[in-house]
Protein backbone atom coordinates (compact mmCIF):
# COMPACT_ATOMS: atom_id res chain seq x y z
CA UNK A 1 0.00 0.00 0.00
CA UNK A 2 2.79 2.42 0.90
CA UNK A 3 4.67 1.66 -2.33
CA UNK A 4 1.47 2.15 -4.34
CA UNK A 5 0.84 5.55 -2.79
CA UNK A 6 4.50 6.53 -3.19
CA UNK A 7 4.34 5.56 -6.88
CA UNK A 8 1.15 7.56 -7.33
CA UNK A 9 2.80 10.64 -5.84
CA UNK A 10 5.95 10.26 -7.92
CA UNK A 11 4.34 9.78 -11.32
CA UNK A 12 1.89 12.67 -11.18
CA UNK A 13 3.10 15.81 -12.98
CA UNK A 14 0.70 18.11 -11.09
CA UNK A 15 2.19 17.02 -7.78
CA UNK A 16 5.75 17.42 -9.06
CA UNK A 17 4.99 20.92 -10.34
CA UNK A 18 3.52 22.10 -7.02
CA UNK A 19 5.89 20.36 -4.59
CA UNK A 20 8.59 22.26 -2.71
CA UNK A 21 12.21 21.82 -3.80
CA UNK A 22 14.86 20.40 -1.50
CA UNK A 23 14.77 17.64 1.08
CA UNK A 24 11.90 17.61 3.55
CA UNK A 25 10.86 15.10 6.18
CA UNK A 26 7.36 15.00 7.66
CA UNK A 27 5.67 13.07 10.43
CA UNK A 28 1.93 12.45 10.42
CA UNK A 29 0.42 11.43 13.73
CA UNK A 30 -3.15 10.12 13.69
CA UNK A 31 -4.93 9.52 16.96
CA UNK A 32 -8.11 7.66 17.77
CA UNK A 33 -10.79 10.09 18.89
CA UNK A 34 -13.55 7.75 20.02
CA UNK A 35 -15.52 8.19 16.79
CA UNK A 36 -13.49 6.35 14.17
CA UNK A 37 -14.17 2.62 13.84
CA UNK A 38 -10.65 2.22 12.40
CA UNK A 39 -8.51 3.58 15.23
CA UNK A 40 -9.44 2.99 18.88
CA UNK A 41 -9.81 5.93 21.23
CA UNK A 42 -6.34 7.00 22.39
CA UNK A 43 -4.49 4.74 19.94
CA UNK A 44 -1.94 6.47 17.68
CA UNK A 45 -0.42 5.74 14.28
CA UNK A 46 2.75 7.41 13.00
CA UNK A 47 3.80 7.81 9.38
CA UNK A 48 7.14 9.18 8.18
CA UNK A 49 7.42 10.75 4.72
CA UNK A 50 10.69 11.78 3.03
CA UNK A 51 10.55 14.13 0.04
CA UNK A 52 13.42 15.12 -2.24
CA UNK A 53 12.73 17.82 -4.86
CA UNK A 54 9.08 16.87 -4.99
CA UNK A 55 9.65 13.11 -5.13
CA UNK A 56 8.58 10.82 -2.32
CA UNK A 57 11.69 8.77 -1.57
CA UNK A 58 10.28 6.95 1.46
CA UNK A 59 6.91 6.57 3.17
CA UNK A 60 6.40 4.16 6.03
CA UNK A 61 4.67 3.57 9.33
CA UNK A 62 6.68 3.51 12.56
CA UNK A 63 5.65 1.99 15.89
CA UNK A 64 6.95 4.89 17.98
CA UNK A 65 7.43 8.52 16.94
CA UNK A 66 11.04 9.51 16.27
CA UNK A 67 12.30 12.69 17.97
CA UNK A 68 10.29 15.72 16.81
CA UNK A 69 13.50 17.59 15.95
CA UNK A 70 14.08 15.09 13.10
CA UNK A 71 11.19 16.57 11.06
CA UNK A 72 10.62 19.68 9.00
CA UNK A 73 6.85 19.29 9.44
CA UNK A 74 4.61 17.48 11.88
CA UNK A 75 0.90 16.98 11.22
CA UNK A 76 -1.23 15.83 14.16
CA UNK A 77 -4.86 14.97 13.52
CA UNK A 78 -7.75 12.89 14.77
CA UNK A 79 -8.52 9.74 12.80
CA UNK A 80 -11.95 11.08 11.81
CA UNK A 81 -10.36 14.15 10.21
CA UNK A 82 -7.92 11.97 8.25
CA UNK A 83 -10.77 9.71 7.15
CA UNK A 84 -12.83 12.76 6.16
CA UNK A 85 -9.94 14.03 4.04
CA UNK A 86 -9.45 10.58 2.47
CA UNK A 87 -13.16 10.37 1.64
CA UNK A 88 -13.21 13.88 0.15
CA UNK A 89 -15.59 15.22 2.81
CA UNK A 90 -13.08 17.37 4.71
CA UNK A 91 -11.01 20.14 3.13
CA UNK A 92 -7.47 19.64 4.50
CA UNK A 93 -6.53 23.32 4.13
CA UNK A 94 -9.66 24.39 5.99
CA UNK A 95 -9.03 21.75 8.67
CA UNK A 96 -5.50 23.09 9.13
CA UNK A 97 -6.68 26.70 9.34
CA UNK A 98 -9.38 25.78 11.88
CA UNK A 99 -6.92 23.84 14.03
CA UNK A 100 -8.41 20.38 13.40
CA UNK A 101 -5.00 19.49 11.99
CA UNK A 102 -2.19 20.76 14.21
CA UNK A 103 0.77 21.72 12.04
CA UNK A 104 4.31 22.29 13.27
CA UNK A 105 6.96 23.59 10.86
CA UNK A 106 7.84 26.48 8.56
CA UNK A 107 4.43 27.86 7.63
CA UNK A 108 5.95 29.96 4.83
CA UNK A 109 6.73 26.76 2.90
CA UNK A 110 3.21 25.42 3.46
CA UNK A 111 1.54 28.66 2.40
CA UNK A 112 3.74 28.90 -0.70
CA UNK A 113 2.77 25.35 -1.70
CA UNK A 114 -0.85 25.34 -0.49
CA UNK A 115 -2.07 24.33 -3.96
CA UNK A 116 -0.18 21.06 -3.53
CA UNK A 117 -2.63 20.02 -0.80
CA UNK A 118 -5.56 20.47 -3.19
CA UNK A 119 -3.74 18.58 -5.95
CA UNK A 120 -2.89 15.72 -3.59
CA UNK A 121 -6.51 15.40 -2.51
CA UNK A 122 -7.76 15.48 -6.12
CA UNK A 123 -5.23 12.85 -7.24
CA UNK A 124 -6.02 10.62 -4.27
CA UNK A 125 -9.77 10.88 -4.87
CA UNK A 126 -9.37 10.17 -8.58
CA UNK A 127 -6.69 7.47 -8.58
CA UNK A 128 -6.98 5.60 -5.27
CA UNK A 129 -9.90 3.35 -4.45
CA UNK A 130 -10.56 3.52 -0.72
CA UNK A 131 -12.69 0.81 0.82
CA UNK A 132 -14.49 1.33 4.09
CA UNK A 133 -15.19 -2.16 5.52
CA UNK A 134 -16.40 -0.70 8.85
CA UNK A 135 -18.40 2.13 7.27
CA UNK A 136 -17.40 5.40 5.67
CA UNK A 137 -17.40 8.85 7.24
CA UNK A 138 -19.21 10.77 8.55
CA UNK A 139 -19.86 8.56 11.55
């Protein structure tokens, strides 16, 4: 699954065009919020993403979060927000602006490349088939 998503990111010209240059490392932390049937209340999942000039060079789950100082960006969000983004029901930019997604890092880079978030969501919705065996959001 990780390799499939990495390949999807790397072969899309729209993503390449809108991605920041240079090497960036991000951590995504999803936490169970008592509403998601996919992640128990209080449980956490951690995903590390390495980008190099707009290419995803590595994307994997880790059991424990590495030190925060190792990342350019950290995204912390409830599972229901992630699932809402994945299902196309939640605008990730709006969720970030409203504080539903806590973002740590250089906001100038994120603002400069805000269109990338929209492109990522469009590509995901168009090219990735998400199944919801326990029901789809909203819950």
